[in-house]
N, C-alpha and C. Protein backbone atom coordinates (compact mmCIF):
# COMPACT_ATOMS: atom_id res chain seq x y z
N UNK A 1 -96.87 -25.48 79.09
CA UNK A 1 -95.49 -25.56 79.55
C UNK A 1 -95.19 -24.06 80.53
N UNK A 2 -94.78 -24.60 81.91
CA UNK A 2 -94.62 -23.38 82.52
C UNK A 2 -93.21 -23.04 83.00
N UNK A 3 -92.57 -21.85 82.92
CA UNK A 3 -91.46 -21.53 83.33
C UNK A 3 -91.42 -20.68 84.62
N UNK A 4 -90.38 -20.35 85.18
CA UNK A 4 -90.19 -19.54 86.17
C UNK A 4 -90.19 -18.25 85.73
N UNK A 5 -90.16 -17.13 86.48
CA UNK A 5 -90.09 -15.90 86.38
C UNK A 5 -88.87 -15.53 85.84
N UNK A 6 -87.56 -16.22 86.68
CA UNK A 6 -86.30 -15.94 86.51
C UNK A 6 -85.93 -16.52 84.80
N UNK A 7 -86.38 -17.79 84.50
CA UNK A 7 -86.17 -18.13 83.33
C UNK A 7 -87.09 -17.31 82.47
N UNK A 8 -88.02 -17.04 82.51
CA UNK A 8 -88.73 -16.18 81.56
C UNK A 8 -88.03 -14.49 81.29
N UNK A 9 -87.49 -14.26 82.43
CA UNK A 9 -86.51 -12.89 82.36
C UNK A 9 -85.43 -13.26 81.34
N UNK A 10 -84.66 -14.66 81.74
CA UNK A 10 -83.51 -14.55 80.86
C UNK A 10 -83.98 -14.90 79.51
N UNK A 11 -84.78 -15.35 79.14
CA UNK A 11 -85.27 -15.52 77.67
C UNK A 11 -85.47 -14.26 77.25
N UNK A 12 -86.24 -13.51 77.66
CA UNK A 12 -86.50 -12.22 77.10
C UNK A 12 -85.34 -11.46 76.89
N UNK A 13 -84.23 -11.36 77.99
CA UNK A 13 -82.93 -10.69 77.74
C UNK A 13 -82.04 -11.15 76.72
N UNK A 14 -82.07 -12.73 76.57
CA UNK A 14 -81.48 -13.40 75.40
C UNK A 14 -81.96 -12.81 73.95
N UNK A 15 -83.27 -12.84 73.71
CA UNK A 15 -83.96 -12.35 72.82
C UNK A 15 -83.80 -10.84 72.42
N UNK A 16 -83.76 -10.26 73.50
CA UNK A 16 -83.30 -8.64 73.16
C UNK A 16 -81.68 -8.75 72.55
N UNK A 17 -80.87 -9.30 73.28
CA UNK A 17 -79.49 -9.31 72.70
C UNK A 17 -79.35 -9.72 71.24
N UNK A 18 -80.25 -10.60 70.75
CA UNK A 18 -80.39 -11.09 69.36
C UNK A 18 -80.90 -10.08 68.30
N UNK A 19 -81.66 -8.77 68.90
CA UNK A 19 -82.40 -8.17 68.12
C UNK A 19 -81.07 -7.01 67.52
N UNK A 20 -81.04 -6.80 66.33
CA UNK A 20 -80.10 -5.86 65.82
C UNK A 20 -80.97 -4.49 66.09
N UNK A 21 -80.07 -3.56 66.60
CA UNK A 21 -80.73 -2.15 66.96
C UNK A 21 -80.57 -1.41 65.75
N UNK A 22 -81.24 -0.27 65.58
CA UNK A 22 -81.29 0.42 64.50
C UNK A 22 -81.33 1.88 64.76
N UNK A 23 -80.69 2.91 64.48
CA UNK A 23 -80.50 4.06 64.62
C UNK A 23 -81.72 4.82 63.87
N UNK A 24 -83.03 4.84 64.56
CA UNK A 24 -83.96 5.47 63.47
C UNK A 24 -83.78 7.42 63.18
N UNK A 25 -82.98 7.91 64.05
CA UNK A 25 -82.58 9.38 64.06
C UNK A 25 -81.86 9.37 62.63
N UNK A 26 -80.79 8.48 62.66
CA UNK A 26 -79.94 8.28 61.46
C UNK A 26 -80.40 8.13 60.00
N UNK A 27 -81.48 7.31 60.19
CA UNK A 27 -82.01 7.10 59.17
C UNK A 27 -83.01 8.23 58.76
N UNK A 28 -83.73 8.91 59.59
CA UNK A 28 -84.43 10.29 59.14
C UNK A 28 -83.60 11.23 58.60
N UNK A 29 -82.31 11.37 59.18
CA UNK A 29 -81.37 12.29 58.60
C UNK A 29 -80.83 11.99 57.53
N UNK A 30 -80.64 10.80 56.99
CA UNK A 30 -80.25 10.09 55.68
C UNK A 30 -81.46 10.79 54.85
N UNK A 31 -82.64 10.19 55.20
CA UNK A 31 -83.72 10.61 54.15
C UNK A 31 -83.94 12.49 54.15
N UNK A 32 -83.55 13.06 55.05
CA UNK A 32 -83.74 14.51 54.93
C UNK A 32 -82.48 14.83 53.92
N UNK A 33 -81.50 14.16 54.17
CA UNK A 33 -80.41 14.52 53.40
C UNK A 33 -80.60 14.39 51.67
N UNK A 34 -81.49 13.16 51.52
CA UNK A 34 -81.70 12.90 49.96
C UNK A 34 -83.01 13.99 49.27
N UNK A 35 -83.10 15.03 50.36
CA UNK A 35 -84.36 15.79 49.56
C UNK A 35 -83.77 16.70 48.29
N UNK A 36 -84.24 16.62 47.52
CA UNK A 36 -83.82 17.29 46.32
C UNK A 36 -82.71 16.52 45.26
N UNK A 37 -82.30 15.37 45.75
CA UNK A 37 -81.36 14.26 45.25
C UNK A 37 -82.29 13.28 44.39
N UNK A 38 -81.94 13.13 43.05
CA UNK A 38 -82.72 12.29 42.51
C UNK A 38 -81.93 10.99 41.81
N UNK A 39 -80.57 10.89 42.19
CA UNK A 39 -79.71 9.80 41.18
C UNK A 39 -80.14 8.42 41.89
N UNK A 40 -80.46 8.42 43.34
CA UNK A 40 -80.83 7.19 43.90
C UNK A 40 -82.15 6.83 43.46
N UNK A 41 -83.09 7.81 43.26
CA UNK A 41 -84.22 7.33 42.90
C UNK A 41 -84.32 6.91 41.40
N UNK A 42 -83.63 7.70 40.47
CA UNK A 42 -83.43 7.35 39.19
C UNK A 42 -82.98 5.69 39.21
N UNK A 43 -82.04 5.44 39.88
CA UNK A 43 -81.48 4.00 39.65
C UNK A 43 -82.71 3.04 40.46
N UNK A 44 -83.09 3.45 41.56
CA UNK A 44 -84.37 2.40 41.80
C UNK A 44 -85.33 2.13 40.59
N UNK A 45 -85.83 3.41 39.99
CA UNK A 45 -86.88 3.40 39.32
C UNK A 45 -86.58 2.50 38.22
N UNK A 46 -85.39 2.79 37.59
CA UNK A 46 -85.09 2.15 36.44
C UNK A 46 -84.93 0.67 36.72
N UNK A 47 -84.56 0.21 37.63
CA UNK A 47 -84.29 -1.09 38.16
C UNK A 47 -85.77 -1.88 38.48
N UNK A 48 -86.47 -1.08 39.21
CA UNK A 48 -87.73 -1.70 39.52
C UNK A 48 -88.88 -1.16 39.23
N UNK A 49 -89.16 -0.08 38.65
CA UNK A 49 -90.13 0.57 38.41
C UNK A 49 -89.97 1.62 37.07
N UNK A 50 -89.90 1.24 35.86
CA UNK A 50 -89.53 1.87 34.62
C UNK A 50 -91.03 2.62 34.42
N UNK A 51 -90.13 3.92 34.10
CA UNK A 51 -91.55 4.77 33.70
C UNK A 51 -92.02 5.45 34.83
N UNK A 52 -91.52 5.50 36.02
CA UNK A 52 -92.00 6.36 37.18
C UNK A 52 -91.59 7.73 36.74
N UNK A 53 -92.56 8.58 37.19
CA UNK A 53 -92.69 10.08 36.86
C UNK A 53 -91.48 10.74 38.01
N UNK A 54 -90.63 11.31 37.54
CA UNK A 54 -89.66 11.88 38.66
C UNK A 54 -90.61 12.58 39.91
N UNK A 55 -91.58 13.15 39.78
CA UNK A 55 -92.36 13.63 40.87
C UNK A 55 -92.43 12.47 41.73
N UNK A 56 -92.34 11.10 41.80
CA UNK A 56 -92.53 10.26 42.63
C UNK A 56 -91.42 9.87 43.61
N UNK A 57 -90.32 10.67 43.17
CA UNK A 57 -89.17 10.98 44.31
C UNK A 57 -89.70 11.05 45.50
N UNK A 58 -90.42 12.17 45.69
CA UNK A 58 -90.83 12.49 47.07
C UNK A 58 -91.72 11.52 47.40
N UNK A 59 -92.57 10.81 47.00
CA UNK A 59 -93.28 9.56 47.37
C UNK A 59 -92.54 8.52 47.91
N UNK A 60 -91.55 8.29 46.91
CA UNK A 60 -90.42 7.25 47.47
C UNK A 60 -89.69 7.71 48.77
N UNK A 61 -89.44 8.83 48.89
CA UNK A 61 -88.84 9.34 50.02
C UNK A 61 -89.74 9.03 51.38
N UNK A 62 -91.13 9.36 51.22
CA UNK A 62 -92.01 9.43 52.07
C UNK A 62 -92.22 7.98 52.51
N UNK A 63 -92.29 6.99 51.72
CA UNK A 63 -92.55 5.66 51.96
C UNK A 63 -91.37 5.28 52.66
N UNK A 64 -89.92 5.36 52.45
CA UNK A 64 -88.80 5.17 53.36
C UNK A 64 -89.06 5.57 54.61
N UNK A 65 -89.47 6.81 54.65
CA UNK A 65 -89.51 7.96 56.03
C UNK A 65 -90.44 6.79 57.10
N UNK A 66 -91.71 6.31 56.28
CA UNK A 66 -92.79 5.86 57.11
C UNK A 66 -92.22 4.36 57.31
N UNK A 67 -91.57 3.47 56.24
CA UNK A 67 -91.47 2.24 56.43
C UNK A 67 -90.00 1.68 56.82
N UNK A 68 -89.24 2.64 56.60
CA UNK A 68 -87.82 2.33 57.02
C UNK A 68 -87.45 2.90 58.35
N UNK A 69 -87.57 4.18 58.44
CA UNK A 69 -87.43 4.96 59.63
C UNK A 69 -88.41 5.00 60.45
N UNK A 70 -89.62 4.20 60.33
CA UNK A 70 -91.03 4.18 61.27
C UNK A 70 -91.14 5.47 61.64
N UNK A 71 -91.24 6.51 61.10
CA UNK A 71 -91.78 8.03 61.33
C UNK A 71 -93.04 8.13 60.86
N UNK A 72 -93.57 9.01 61.53
CA UNK A 72 -94.90 9.46 61.17
C UNK A 72 -95.19 10.25 59.70
N UNK A 73 -96.29 9.66 59.09
CA UNK A 73 -96.26 10.19 57.50
C UNK A 73 -96.43 11.98 57.58
N UNK A 74 -97.04 12.25 58.35
CA UNK A 74 -97.20 13.89 58.67
C UNK A 74 -95.97 14.68 58.96
N UNK A 75 -94.74 14.01 59.25
CA UNK A 75 -93.65 14.52 59.63
C UNK A 75 -92.62 14.36 58.66
N UNK A 76 -92.90 13.71 57.41
CA UNK A 76 -92.24 13.54 56.17
C UNK A 76 -91.39 14.66 55.77
N UNK A 77 -90.24 14.93 55.65
CA UNK A 77 -89.63 16.07 55.40
C UNK A 77 -90.05 16.48 53.93
N UNK A 78 -90.48 15.76 53.31
CA UNK A 78 -91.10 16.13 51.92
C UNK A 78 -92.04 17.15 51.88
N UNK A 79 -92.83 17.10 53.12
CA UNK A 79 -93.81 18.28 53.18
C UNK A 79 -93.31 19.61 53.45
N UNK A 80 -92.16 19.59 53.78
CA UNK A 80 -91.30 20.63 54.02
C UNK A 80 -91.91 21.75 55.24
N UNK A 81 -92.43 21.13 56.10
CA UNK A 81 -92.82 21.81 57.48
C UNK A 81 -94.21 22.19 57.57
N UNK A 82 -94.83 21.91 56.23
CA UNK A 82 -96.46 22.20 56.27
C UNK A 82 -97.17 20.76 56.50
N UNK A 83 -98.32 20.79 56.83
CA UNK A 83 -99.27 19.78 57.07
C UNK A 83 -99.52 19.13 55.85
N UNK A 84 -99.62 17.88 55.44
CA UNK A 84 -100.11 17.45 54.45
C UNK A 84 -101.55 17.38 54.05
N UNK A 85 -102.01 17.99 52.84
CA UNK A 85 -103.42 17.85 52.44
C UNK A 85 -103.75 16.42 52.50
N UNK A 86 -105.12 16.41 52.38
CA UNK A 86 -105.87 14.98 52.50
C UNK A 86 -105.48 14.41 50.97
N UNK A 87 -105.31 15.38 49.90
CA UNK A 87 -104.90 14.83 48.39
C UNK A 87 -103.29 14.48 48.59
N UNK A 88 -102.39 15.02 49.40
CA UNK A 88 -101.09 14.73 49.69
C UNK A 88 -101.02 13.26 50.28
N UNK A 89 -102.02 12.86 51.06
CA UNK A 89 -102.06 11.86 51.64
C UNK A 89 -102.43 10.66 50.78
N UNK A 90 -103.52 11.19 50.10
CA UNK A 90 -103.93 9.97 49.05
C UNK A 90 -103.31 9.74 48.02
N UNK A 91 -102.43 10.77 47.49
CA UNK A 91 -101.56 10.29 46.65
C UNK A 91 -100.39 9.51 47.17
N UNK A 92 -99.67 9.67 48.39
CA UNK A 92 -98.86 8.96 49.04
C UNK A 92 -99.38 7.59 49.29
N UNK A 93 -100.61 7.32 49.76
CA UNK A 93 -101.09 5.92 49.94
C UNK A 93 -101.60 5.27 48.59
N UNK A 94 -101.60 5.93 47.62
CA UNK A 94 -101.73 5.33 46.21
C UNK A 94 -100.38 4.59 45.86
N UNK A 95 -99.58 5.37 45.86
CA UNK A 95 -98.08 5.02 45.68
C UNK A 95 -97.80 3.86 46.66
N UNK A 96 -98.09 3.98 47.94
CA UNK A 96 -97.89 2.91 48.71
C UNK A 96 -98.39 1.48 48.46
N UNK A 97 -99.46 1.55 48.21
CA UNK A 97 -100.21 0.41 47.79
C UNK A 97 -100.03 -0.11 46.26
N UNK A 98 -99.40 0.69 45.56
CA UNK A 98 -98.80 0.20 44.30
C UNK A 98 -97.79 -0.47 44.17
N UNK A 99 -96.94 -0.41 45.27
CA UNK A 99 -95.88 -1.19 45.34
C UNK A 99 -95.83 -2.58 45.66
N UNK A 100 -95.13 -3.43 44.69
CA UNK A 100 -94.99 -4.93 44.74
C UNK A 100 -94.10 -5.23 46.29
N UNK A 101 -94.11 -6.41 46.29
CA UNK A 101 -92.76 -6.68 47.43
C UNK A 101 -91.53 -6.60 46.86
N UNK A 102 -91.28 -6.92 45.71
CA UNK A 102 -89.79 -6.52 45.34
C UNK A 102 -89.55 -5.16 45.46
N UNK A 103 -90.28 -4.31 45.09
CA UNK A 103 -90.11 -2.88 44.78
C UNK A 103 -90.04 -2.29 46.15
N UNK A 104 -90.87 -2.74 47.29
CA UNK A 104 -90.83 -2.16 48.62
C UNK A 104 -89.24 -2.66 49.27
N UNK A 105 -88.76 -3.89 48.78
CA UNK A 105 -87.56 -4.46 49.40
C UNK A 105 -86.29 -3.51 48.80
N UNK A 106 -86.59 -3.29 47.56
CA UNK A 106 -85.34 -2.56 46.85
C UNK A 106 -85.60 -1.15 47.19
N UNK A 107 -86.79 -0.42 47.63
CA UNK A 107 -86.68 0.82 48.04
C UNK A 107 -86.27 1.05 49.52
N UNK A 108 -86.47 -0.14 50.17
CA UNK A 108 -85.98 -0.06 51.70
C UNK A 108 -84.34 0.09 51.33
N UNK A 109 -83.75 -1.12 50.81
CA UNK A 109 -82.52 -1.29 50.43
C UNK A 109 -81.69 -0.12 49.94
N UNK A 110 -82.19 0.66 49.20
CA UNK A 110 -81.67 1.90 48.56
C UNK A 110 -81.30 2.80 49.55
N UNK A 111 -82.12 2.97 50.83
CA UNK A 111 -81.63 3.85 51.79
C UNK A 111 -80.29 3.63 52.44
N UNK A 112 -79.95 2.24 52.26
CA UNK A 112 -78.46 1.65 52.96
C UNK A 112 -77.54 1.96 51.99
N UNK A 113 -77.72 1.85 50.61
CA UNK A 113 -76.90 2.35 49.64
C UNK A 113 -76.16 3.58 49.84
N UNK A 114 -75.13 3.90 49.02
CA UNK A 114 -74.34 5.17 49.30
C UNK A 114 -75.47 6.22 48.28
N UNK A 115 -75.17 7.51 48.96
CA UNK A 115 -76.05 8.66 48.46
C UNK A 115 -75.75 8.91 47.16
């Protein structure tokens, strides 16, 4: 099926209009704001991952940083300005790979709930 360049451009423009835009800087700011807060994490863990250790709060924030705000792992505010070590990255990757689909969905939605 061939379409003209004008038709192709019009289709792309319509597709762009249909996509909801996300303010990633606002998401990053929200994640930074949650540093040191645990209520949201406690609620998520109670509902989705009972028995989670409180230290997993930082891992969950980093997951939101990477997967919701689409920011780089090394820039997560959890590292507090230092470069994460190989051990830090490995610990995060272990947490990341341990999340099932429901836990990931609820962790993403938790960022959009009240702080």
